[in-house]
Amino acid sequence: MGIPTIDAALAAIRTKPAVPLSTASVALGIASSTASAAVARDDFPVPFVRMGARVIVPTPALRTLLQLPSDPLPVSTPTVPMPTRSASKAREAVGA
């Protein structure tokens, strides 16, 4: 996955419930090694969750610290219009 750009990091923080430590470190403007050391000392500025070797950072606290609004989740709209049939035409179509 690699290290995201600042724009990609901020977009992920606005739209996702949690991000990897590398994304959080980019948004905070610190090196990933500095972020890892802070996690090891239990001194990272926002709550985090260790999942094996991975560190996940929930984004609500990051948004608060960075004073970022959360973007609403996109609403999916159907791309194919739903067919409309009256009940009698539907019965005719199936031979009932």
Protein backbone atom coordinates (compact mmCIF):
# COMPACT_ATOMS: atom_id res chain seq x y z
CA MET A 1 0.00 0.00 0.00
CA GLY A 2 2.84 2.43 0.74
CA ILE A 3 2.84 5.79 2.42
CA PRO A 4 -0.03 8.03 1.28
CA THR A 5 0.26 11.64 0.21
CA ILE A 6 -1.01 14.26 2.65
CA ASP A 7 -4.17 14.71 0.55
CA ALA A 8 -4.85 10.97 0.50
CA ALA A 9 -4.19 10.71 4.24
CA LEU A 10 -6.59 13.55 5.07
CA ALA A 11 -9.26 12.12 2.74
CA ALA A 12 -8.97 8.72 4.43
CA ILE A 13 -9.23 10.31 7.88
CA ARG A 14 -12.37 12.20 6.82
CA THR A 15 -14.12 9.17 5.34
CA LYS A 16 -12.93 6.02 7.14
CA PRO A 17 -13.58 4.81 10.67
CA ALA A 18 -9.89 3.94 11.19
CA VAL A 19 -6.58 4.23 9.35
CA PRO A 20 -3.14 2.59 9.56
CA LEU A 21 -0.47 4.27 11.68
CA SER A 22 1.40 5.31 8.52
CA THR A 23 -1.62 7.32 7.33
CA ALA A 24 -2.03 8.97 10.73
CA SER A 25 1.67 9.88 10.84
CA VAL A 26 1.49 11.57 7.41
CA ALA A 27 -1.53 13.61 8.53
CA LEU A 28 0.23 14.60 11.75
CA GLY A 29 3.37 15.58 9.86
CA ILE A 30 5.66 13.15 11.66
CA ALA A 31 7.87 10.35 10.39
CA SER A 32 6.44 6.85 10.62
CA SER A 33 9.42 5.85 12.80
CA THR A 34 8.56 8.67 15.21
CA ALA A 35 4.93 7.52 15.27
CA SER A 36 5.99 3.92 15.90
CA ALA A 37 8.27 5.02 18.74
CA ALA A 38 5.42 7.03 20.28
CA VAL A 39 3.16 3.98 20.08
CA ALA A 40 5.86 1.82 21.70
CA ARG A 41 6.09 4.35 24.55
CA ASP A 42 2.28 4.52 24.71
CA ASP A 43 2.68 8.24 23.99
CA PHE A 44 0.88 8.64 20.64
CA PRO A 45 -1.35 11.77 20.73
CA VAL A 46 -4.60 9.89 19.96
CA PRO A 47 -5.94 6.45 20.90
CA PHE A 48 -4.74 3.50 18.83
CA VAL A 49 -5.37 -0.23 18.62
CA ARG A 50 -2.67 -2.85 18.27
CA MET A 51 -3.67 -5.75 16.03
CA GLY A 52 -0.71 -8.09 16.06
CA ALA A 53 2.10 -6.17 14.40
CA ARG A 54 -0.31 -3.59 12.93
CA VAL A 55 -1.38 -0.39 14.63
CA ILE A 56 -4.78 1.02 13.69
CA VAL A 57 -5.82 4.55 14.60
CA PRO A 58 -9.55 5.31 14.94
CA THR A 59 -10.27 8.50 13.02
CA PRO A 60 -12.72 10.41 15.28
CA ALA A 61 -9.93 11.48 17.65
CA LEU A 62 -7.64 12.29 14.69
CA ARG A 63 -10.35 14.47 13.13
CA THR A 64 -10.75 16.31 16.43
CA LEU A 65 -7.01 16.83 16.85
CA LEU A 66 -6.59 17.99 13.24
CA GLN A 67 -9.86 19.97 13.33
CA LEU A 68 -11.18 18.12 10.29
CA PRO A 69 -14.86 17.63 9.53
CA SER A 70 -16.02 14.15 8.73
CA ASP A 71 -17.32 13.71 5.20
CA PRO A 72 -20.66 11.99 5.01
CA LEU A 73 -20.52 8.52 3.56
CA PRO A 74 -21.52 8.50 -0.08
CA VAL A 75 -25.07 7.43 -0.74
CA SER A 76 -25.28 4.82 -3.43
CA THR A 77 -27.95 5.26 -6.01
CA PRO A 78 -29.17 2.48 -8.24
CA THR A 79 -27.64 2.67 -11.70
CA VAL A 80 -30.41 0.62 -13.29
CA PRO A 81 -33.96 1.83 -12.81
CA MET A 82 -36.17 -0.63 -11.03
CA PRO A 83 -38.88 -2.00 -13.31
CA THR A 84 -42.40 -1.12 -12.34
CA ARG A 85 -45.30 -3.43 -13.12
CA SER A 86 -48.73 -3.67 -11.84
CA ALA A 87 -49.57 -6.87 -10.02
CA SER A 88 -51.95 -8.00 -12.80
CA LYS A 89 -49.26 -7.55 -15.50
CA ALA A 90 -46.79 -9.47 -13.38
CA ARG A 91 -49.27 -12.36 -13.09
CA GLU A 92 -49.82 -12.28 -16.88
CA ALA A 93 -46.08 -12.44 -17.48
CA VAL A 94 -45.70 -15.63 -15.46
CA GLY A 95 -48.91 -17.16 -16.78
CA ALA A 96 -50.88 -17.07 -13.53
